[in-house]
């Protein structure tokens, strides 16, 4: 019915690769901001707001992935 043994209709490998790249990029950005904040080159408020920005970007990414899969199947 789905063309794959086991009946799982989705291939999660591309999504996991994109998610891994996204998480890796955020860790790198977070580390750079931390270093700059410790060196007093940027204010601590930027460093304090950053986790909220990360949650927003994760939400947008998850919504985009879900919407693109929705458009693909319907």
PDB file of N, CA and C in Angstrom:
ATOM      1  N   UNK A   1       0.811  -1.187   0.000  1.00  0.00           N
ATOM      2  CA  UNK A   1       0.000   0.000   0.000  1.00  0.00           C
ATOM      3  C   UNK A   1       0.865   1.265   0.000  1.00  0.00           C
ATOM      4  N   UNK A   2       1.897   1.294   0.837  1.00  0.00           N
ATOM      5  CA  UNK A   2       2.752   2.468   0.913  1.00  0.00           C
ATOM      6  C   UNK A   2       4.044   2.301   0.116  1.00  0.00           C
ATOM      7  N   UNK A   3       4.261   1.146  -0.443  1.00  0.00           N
ATOM      8  CA  UNK A   3       5.452   0.925  -1.237  1.00  0.00           C
ATOM      9  C   UNK A   3       6.698   0.614  -0.437  1.00  0.00           C
ATOM     10  N   UNK A   4       6.561   0.430   0.855  1.00  0.00           N
ATOM     11  CA  UNK A   4       7.714   0.116   1.703  1.00  0.00           C
ATOM     12  C   UNK A   4       7.352  -1.025   2.624  1.00  0.00           C
ATOM     13  N   UNK A   5       8.295  -1.908   2.881  1.00  0.00           N
ATOM     14  CA  UNK A   5       7.997  -2.957   3.861  1.00  0.00           C
ATOM     15  C   UNK A   5       7.857  -2.357   5.253  1.00  0.00           C
ATOM     16  N   UNK A   6       6.927  -2.870   6.004  1.00  0.00           N
ATOM     17  CA  UNK A   6       6.696  -2.372   7.354  1.00  0.00           C
ATOM     18  C   UNK A   6       5.570  -1.357   7.420  1.00  0.00           C
ATOM     19  N   UNK A   7       5.156  -0.837   6.294  1.00  0.00           N
ATOM     20  CA  UNK A   7       4.015   0.065   6.266  1.00  0.00           C
ATOM     21  C   UNK A   7       4.271   1.463   6.767  1.00  0.00           C
ATOM     22  N   UNK A   8       5.522   1.913   6.860  1.00  0.00           N
ATOM     23  CA  UNK A   8       5.813   3.273   7.303  1.00  0.00           C
ATOM     24  C   UNK A   8       5.895   4.154   6.063  1.00  0.00           C
ATOM     25  N   UNK A   9       4.975   5.107   5.922  1.00  0.00           N
ATOM     26  CA  UNK A   9       4.916   5.871   4.677  1.00  0.00           C
ATOM     27  C   UNK A   9       5.894   7.032   4.584  1.00  0.00           C
ATOM     28  N   UNK A  10       6.603   7.347   5.656  1.00  0.00           N
ATOM     29  CA  UNK A  10       7.460   8.524   5.664  1.00  0.00           C
ATOM     30  C   UNK A  10       8.927   8.127   5.736  1.00  0.00           C
ATOM     31  N   UNK A  11       9.756   8.917   5.115  1.00  0.00           N
ATOM     32  CA  UNK A  11      11.201   8.751   5.230  1.00  0.00           C
ATOM     33  C   UNK A  11      11.718   9.911   6.071  1.00  0.00           C
ATOM     34  N   UNK A  12      12.167   9.607   7.272  1.00  0.00           N
ATOM     35  CA  UNK A  12      12.548  10.652   8.217  1.00  0.00           C
ATOM     36  C   UNK A  12      14.007  11.075   8.098  1.00  0.00           C
ATOM     37  N   UNK A  13      14.790  10.405   7.277  1.00  0.00           N
ATOM     38  CA  UNK A  13      16.205  10.724   7.182  1.00  0.00           C
ATOM     39  C   UNK A  13      16.456  12.176   6.757  1.00  0.00           C
ATOM     40  N   UNK A  14      15.817  12.688   5.688  1.00  0.00           N
ATOM     41  CA  UNK A  14      16.082  14.098   5.328  1.00  0.00           C
ATOM     42  C   UNK A  14      15.674  15.083   6.421  1.00  0.00           C
ATOM     43  N   UNK A  15      14.586  14.806   7.099  1.00  0.00           N
ATOM     44  CA  UNK A  15      14.148  15.707   8.166  1.00  0.00           C
ATOM     45  C   UNK A  15      15.136  15.671   9.328  1.00  0.00           C
ATOM     46  N   UNK A  16      15.619  14.484   9.684  1.00  0.00           N
ATOM     47  CA  UNK A  16      16.587  14.386  10.778  1.00  0.00           C
ATOM     48  C   UNK A  16      17.908  15.048  10.413  1.00  0.00           C
ATOM     49  N   UNK A  17      18.317  14.952   9.160  1.00  0.00           N
ATOM     50  CA  UNK A  17      19.545  15.615   8.732  1.00  0.00           C
ATOM     51  C   UNK A  17      19.388  17.127   8.828  1.00  0.00           C
ATOM     52  N   UNK A  18      18.254  17.664   8.360  1.00  0.00           N
ATOM     53  CA  UNK A  18      18.009  19.105   8.458  1.00  0.00           C
ATOM     54  C   UNK A  18      17.933  19.550   9.906  1.00  0.00           C
ATOM     55  N   UNK A  19      17.282  18.764  10.735  1.00  0.00           N
ATOM     56  CA  UNK A  19      17.174  19.109  12.148  1.00  0.00           C
ATOM     57  C   UNK A  19      18.547  19.088  12.820  1.00  0.00           C
ATOM     58  N   UNK A  20      19.369  18.114  12.478  1.00  0.00           N
ATOM     59  CA  UNK A  20      20.724  18.051  13.027  1.00  0.00           C
ATOM     60  C   UNK A  20      21.564  19.244  12.609  1.00  0.00           C
ATOM     61  N   UNK A  21      21.439  19.644  11.340  1.00  0.00           N
ATOM     62  CA  UNK A  21      22.165  20.824  10.876  1.00  0.00           C
ATOM     63  C   UNK A  21      21.676  22.080  11.580  1.00  0.00           C
ATOM     64  N   UNK A  22      20.379  22.180  11.800  1.00  0.00           N
ATOM     65  CA  UNK A  22      19.810  23.339  12.487  1.00  0.00           C
ATOM     66  C   UNK A  22      20.297  23.413  13.934  1.00  0.00           C
ATOM     67  N   UNK A  23      20.271  22.292  14.628  1.00  0.00           N
ATOM     68  CA  UNK A  23      20.733  22.263  16.019  1.00  0.00           C
ATOM     69  C   UNK A  23      22.224  22.591  16.086  1.00  0.00           C
ATOM     70  N   UNK A  24      23.007  22.044  15.177  1.00  0.00           N
ATOM     71  CA  UNK A  24      24.439  22.338  15.149  1.00  0.00           C
ATOM     72  C   UNK A  24      24.719  23.807  14.910  1.00  0.00           C
ATOM     73  N   UNK A  25      23.977  24.416  13.990  1.00  0.00           N
ATOM     74  CA  UNK A  25      24.166  25.842  13.717  1.00  0.00           C
ATOM     75  C   UNK A  25      23.807  26.683  14.940  1.00  0.00           C
ATOM     76  N   UNK A  26      22.723  26.308  15.639  1.00  0.00           N
ATOM     77  CA  UNK A  26      22.341  27.066  16.831  1.00  0.00           C
ATOM     78  C   UNK A  26      23.361  26.914  17.945  1.00  0.00           C
ATOM     79  N   UNK A  27      23.954  25.751  18.086  1.00  0.00           N
ATOM     80  CA  UNK A  27      24.986  25.568  19.110  1.00  0.00           C
ATOM     81  C   UNK A  27      26.197  26.434  18.795  1.00  0.00           C
ATOM     82  N   UNK A  28      26.580  26.496  17.535  1.00  0.00           N
ATOM     83  CA  UNK A  28      27.717  27.333  17.142  1.00  0.00           C
ATOM     84  C   UNK A  28      27.413  28.807  17.404  1.00  0.00           C
ATOM     85  N   UNK A  29      26.224  29.258  17.019  1.00  0.00           N
ATOM     86  CA  UNK A  29      25.850  30.654  17.246  1.00  0.00           C
ATOM     87  C   UNK A  29      25.798  30.967  18.737  1.00  0.00           C
ATOM     88  N   UNK A  30      25.235  30.046  19.521  1.00  0.00           N
ATOM     89  CA  UNK A  30      25.153  30.241  20.973  1.00  0.00           C
ATOM     90  C   UNK A  30      26.555  30.334  21.584  1.00  0.00           C
ATOM     91  N   UNK A  31      27.476  29.488  21.137  1.00  0.00           N
ATOM     92  CA  UNK A  31      28.841  29.517  21.663  1.00  0.00           C
ATOM     93  C   UNK A  31      29.536  30.832  21.313  1.00  0.00           C
ATOM     94  N   UNK A  32      29.333  31.301  20.093  1.00  0.00           N
ATOM     95  CA  UNK A  32      29.946  32.575  19.692  1.00  0.00           C
ATOM     96  C   UNK A  32      29.371  33.723  20.518  1.00  0.00           C
ATOM     97  N   UNK A  33      28.046  33.737  20.721  1.00  0.00           N
ATOM     98  CA  UNK A  33      27.453  34.786  21.547  1.00  0.00           C
ATOM     99  C   UNK A  33      27.962  34.726  22.985  1.00  0.00           C
ATOM    100  N   UNK A  34      28.127  33.513  23.506  1.00  0.00           N
ATOM    101  CA  UNK A  34      28.628  33.360  24.863  1.00  0.00           C
ATOM    102  C   UNK A  34      30.045  33.929  24.986  1.00  0.00           C
ATOM    103  N   UNK A  35      30.884  33.601  24.022  1.00  0.00           N
ATOM    104  CA  UNK A  35      32.254  34.104  24.045  1.00  0.00           C
ATOM    105  C   UNK A  35      32.268  35.623  23.961  1.00  0.00           C
ATOM    106  N   UNK A  36      31.461  36.183  23.054  1.00  0.00           N
ATOM    107  CA  UNK A  36      31.412  37.638  22.920  1.00  0.00           C
ATOM    108  C   UNK A  36      30.859  38.310  24.174  1.00  0.00           C
ATOM    109  N   UNK A  37      29.894  37.678  24.840  1.00  0.00           N
ATOM    110  CA  UNK A  37      29.353  38.238  26.075  1.00  0.00           C
ATOM    111  C   UNK A  37      30.379  38.167  27.204  1.00  0.00           C
ATOM    112  N   UNK A  38      31.132  37.096  27.276  1.00  0.00           N
ATOM    113  CA  UNK A  38      32.167  36.974  28.313  1.00  0.00           C
ATOM    114  C   UNK A  38      33.297  37.974  28.093  1.00  0.00           C
ATOM    115  N   UNK A  39      33.554  38.319  26.850  1.00  0.00           N
ATOM    116  CA  UNK A  39      34.600  39.296  26.543  1.00  0.00           C
ATOM    117  C   UNK A  39      34.071  40.730  26.630  1.00  0.00           C
ATOM    118  N   UNK A  40      32.776  40.874  26.999  1.00  0.00           N
ATOM    119  CA  UNK A  40      32.117  42.174  27.143  1.00  0.00           C
ATOM    120  C   UNK A  40      32.086  42.952  25.826  1.00  0.00           C
ATOM    121  N   UNK A  41      32.000  42.236  24.720  1.00  0.00           N
ATOM    122  CA  UNK A  41      31.876  42.889  23.421  1.00  0.00           C
ATOM    123  C   UNK A  41      30.413  43.096  23.023  1.00  0.00           C
ATOM    124  N   UNK A  42      29.531  42.320  23.606  1.00  0.00           N
ATOM    125  CA  UNK A  42      28.100  42.518  23.391  1.00  0.00           C
ATOM    126  C   UNK A  42      27.443  42.569  24.766  1.00  0.00           C
ATOM    127  N   UNK A  43      26.329  43.262  24.872  1.00  0.00           N
ATOM    128  CA  UNK A  43      25.653  43.307  26.175  1.00  0.00           C
ATOM    129  C   UNK A  43      25.044  41.944  26.533  1.00  0.00           C
ATOM    130  N   UNK A  44      24.927  41.688  27.829  1.00  0.00           N
ATOM    131  CA  UNK A  44      24.373  40.425  28.292  1.00  0.00           C
ATOM    132  C   UNK A  44      22.903  40.260  27.929  1.00  0.00           C
ATOM    133  N   UNK A  45      22.210  41.362  27.629  1.00  0.00           N
ATOM    134  CA  UNK A  45      20.800  41.261  27.284  1.00  0.00           C
ATOM    135  C   UNK A  45      20.624  40.475  25.982  1.00  0.00           C
ATOM    136  N   UNK A  46      21.532  40.643  25.029  1.00  0.00           N
ATOM    137  CA  UNK A  46      21.473  39.879  23.778  1.00  0.00           C
ATOM    138  C   UNK A  46      21.639  38.397  24.078  1.00  0.00           C
ATOM    139  N   UNK A  47      22.570  38.093  24.964  1.00  0.00           N
ATOM    140  CA  UNK A  47      22.811  36.706  25.347  1.00  0.00           C
ATOM    141  C   UNK A  47      21.627  36.137  26.117  1.00  0.00           C
ATOM    142  N   UNK A  48      20.938  36.962  26.904  1.00  0.00           N
ATOM    143  CA  UNK A  48      19.793  36.493  27.689  1.00  0.00           C
ATOM    144  C   UNK A  48      18.557  36.270  26.809  1.00  0.00           C
ATOM    145  N   UNK A  49      18.392  37.063  25.757  1.00  0.00           N
ATOM    146  CA  UNK A  49      17.237  36.933  24.874  1.00  0.00           C
ATOM    147  C   UNK A  49      17.402  35.768  23.899  1.00  0.00           C
ATOM    148  N   UNK A  50      18.622  35.334  23.669  1.00  0.00           N
ATOM    149  CA  UNK A  50      18.906  34.336  22.637  1.00  0.00           C
ATOM    150  C   UNK A  50      18.109  33.040  22.782  1.00  0.00           C
ATOM    151  N   UNK A  51      17.924  32.450  23.992  1.00  0.00           N
ATOM    152  CA  UNK A  51      17.120  31.217  24.064  1.00  0.00           C
ATOM    153  C   UNK A  51      15.682  31.403  23.582  1.00  0.00           C
ATOM    154  N   UNK A  52      15.099  32.557  23.791  1.00  0.00           N
ATOM    155  CA  UNK A  52      13.760  32.822  23.267  1.00  0.00           C
ATOM    156  C   UNK A  52      13.748  32.857  21.754  1.00  0.00           C
ATOM    157  N   UNK A  53      14.798  33.449  21.173  1.00  0.00           N
ATOM    158  CA  UNK A  53      14.912  33.487  19.720  1.00  0.00           C
ATOM    159  C   UNK A  53      15.053  32.071  19.168  1.00  0.00           C
ATOM    160  N   UNK A  54      15.823  31.233  19.863  1.00  0.00           N
ATOM    161  CA  UNK A  54      16.002  29.837  19.434  1.00  0.00           C
ATOM    162  C   UNK A  54      14.663  29.111  19.436  1.00  0.00           C
ATOM    163  N   UNK A  55      13.864  29.291  20.479  1.00  0.00           N
ATOM    164  CA  UNK A  55      12.553  28.640  20.525  1.00  0.00           C
ATOM    165  C   UNK A  55      11.668  29.111  19.385  1.00  0.00           C
ATOM    166  N   UNK A  56      11.716  30.387  19.072  1.00  0.00           N
ATOM    167  CA  UNK A  56      10.936  30.912  17.960  1.00  0.00           C
ATOM    168  C   UNK A  56      11.370  30.285  16.641  1.00  0.00           C
ATOM    169  N   UNK A  57      12.656  30.192  16.416  1.00  0.00           N
ATOM    170  CA  UNK A  57      13.158  29.616  15.169  1.00  0.00           C
ATOM    171  C   UNK A  57      12.831  28.129  15.088  1.00  0.00           C
ATOM    172  N   UNK A  58      12.949  27.402  16.207  1.00  0.00           N
ATOM    173  CA  UNK A  58      12.550  25.990  16.218  1.00  0.00           C
ATOM    174  C   UNK A  58      11.068  25.845  15.870  1.00  0.00           C
ATOM    175  N   UNK A  59      10.237  26.705  16.424  1.00  0.00           N
ATOM    176  CA  UNK A  59       8.815  26.649  16.126  1.00  0.00           C
ATOM    177  C   UNK A  59       8.530  26.890  14.655  1.00  0.00           C
ATOM    178  N   UNK A  60       9.200  27.882  14.082  1.00  0.00           N
ATOM    179  CA  UNK A  60       9.024  28.164  12.657  1.00  0.00           C
ATOM    180  C   UNK A  60       9.497  26.985  11.816  1.00  0.00           C
ATOM    181  N   UNK A  61      10.636  26.387  12.188  1.00  0.00           N
ATOM    182  CA  UNK A  61      11.161  25.236  11.446  1.00  0.00           C
ATOM    183  C   UNK A  61      10.201  24.059  11.503  1.00  0.00           C
ATOM    184  N   UNK A  62       9.684  23.756  12.679  1.00  0.00           N
ATOM    185  CA  UNK A  62       8.759  22.628  12.825  1.00  0.00           C
ATOM    186  C   UNK A  62       7.476  22.898  12.053  1.00  0.00           C
ATOM    187  N   UNK A  63       6.958  24.119  12.120  1.00  0.00           N
ATOM    188  CA  UNK A  63       5.758  24.458  11.358  1.00  0.00           C
ATOM    189  C   UNK A  63       6.016  24.328   9.860  1.00  0.00           C
ATOM    190  N   UNK A  64       7.164  24.804   9.397  1.00  0.00           N
ATOM    191  CA  UNK A  64       7.494  24.719   7.973  1.00  0.00           C
ATOM    192  C   UNK A  64       7.579  23.271   7.507  1.00  0.00           C
ATOM    193  N   UNK A  65       8.225  22.425   8.307  1.00  0.00           N
ATOM    194  CA  UNK A  65       8.329  21.012   7.938  1.00  0.00           C
ATOM    195  C   UNK A  65       6.955  20.360   7.889  1.00  0.00           C
ATOM    196  N   UNK A  66       6.127  20.646   8.869  1.00  0.00           N
ATOM    197  CA  UNK A  66       4.786  20.060   8.890  1.00  0.00           C
ATOM    198  C   UNK A  66       3.953  20.568   7.719  1.00  0.00           C
ATOM    199  N   UNK A  67       4.047  21.848   7.412  1.00  0.00           N
ATOM    200  CA  UNK A  67       3.278  22.411   6.315  1.00  0.00           C
ATOM    201  C   UNK A  67       3.745  21.860   4.972  1.00  0.00           C
ATOM    202  N   UNK A  68       5.062  21.709   4.803  1.00  0.00           N
ATOM    203  CA  UNK A  68       5.559  21.173   3.533  1.00  0.00           C
ATOM    204  C   UNK A  68       5.142  19.721   3.354  1.00  0.00           C
ATOM    205  N   UNK A  69       5.115  18.927   4.419  1.00  0.00           N
ATOM    206  CA  UNK A  69       4.625  17.545   4.319  1.00  0.00           C
ATOM    207  C   UNK A  69       3.127  17.515   4.048  1.00  0.00           C
ATOM    208  N   UNK A  70       2.401  18.451   4.633  1.00  0.00           N
ATOM    209  CA  UNK A  70       0.961  18.530   4.406  1.00  0.00           C
ATOM    210  C   UNK A  70       0.691  18.833   2.925  1.00  0.00           C
ATOM    211  N   UNK A  71       1.429  19.788   2.376  1.00  0.00           N
ATOM    212  CA  UNK A  71       1.251  20.146   0.966  1.00  0.00           C
ATOM    213  C   UNK A  71       1.670  19.014   0.039  1.00  0.00           C
ATOM    214  N   UNK A  72       2.636  18.212   0.482  1.00  0.00           N
ATOM    215  CA  UNK A  72       3.128  17.105  -0.340  1.00  0.00           C
ATOM    216  C   UNK A  72       2.094  15.990  -0.453  1.00  0.00           C
ATOM    217  N   UNK A  73       1.334  15.741   0.599  1.00  0.00           N
ATOM    218  CA  UNK A  73       0.412  14.615   0.614  1.00  0.00           C
ATOM    219  C   UNK A  73      -1.020  15.001   0.292  1.00  0.00           C
ATOM    220  N   UNK A  74      -1.363  16.303   0.330  1.00  0.00           N
ATOM    221  CA  UNK A  74      -2.742  16.699   0.042  1.00  0.00           C
ATOM    222  C   UNK A  74      -2.794  17.701  -1.079  1.00  0.00           C
TER     223      UNK A  74
END
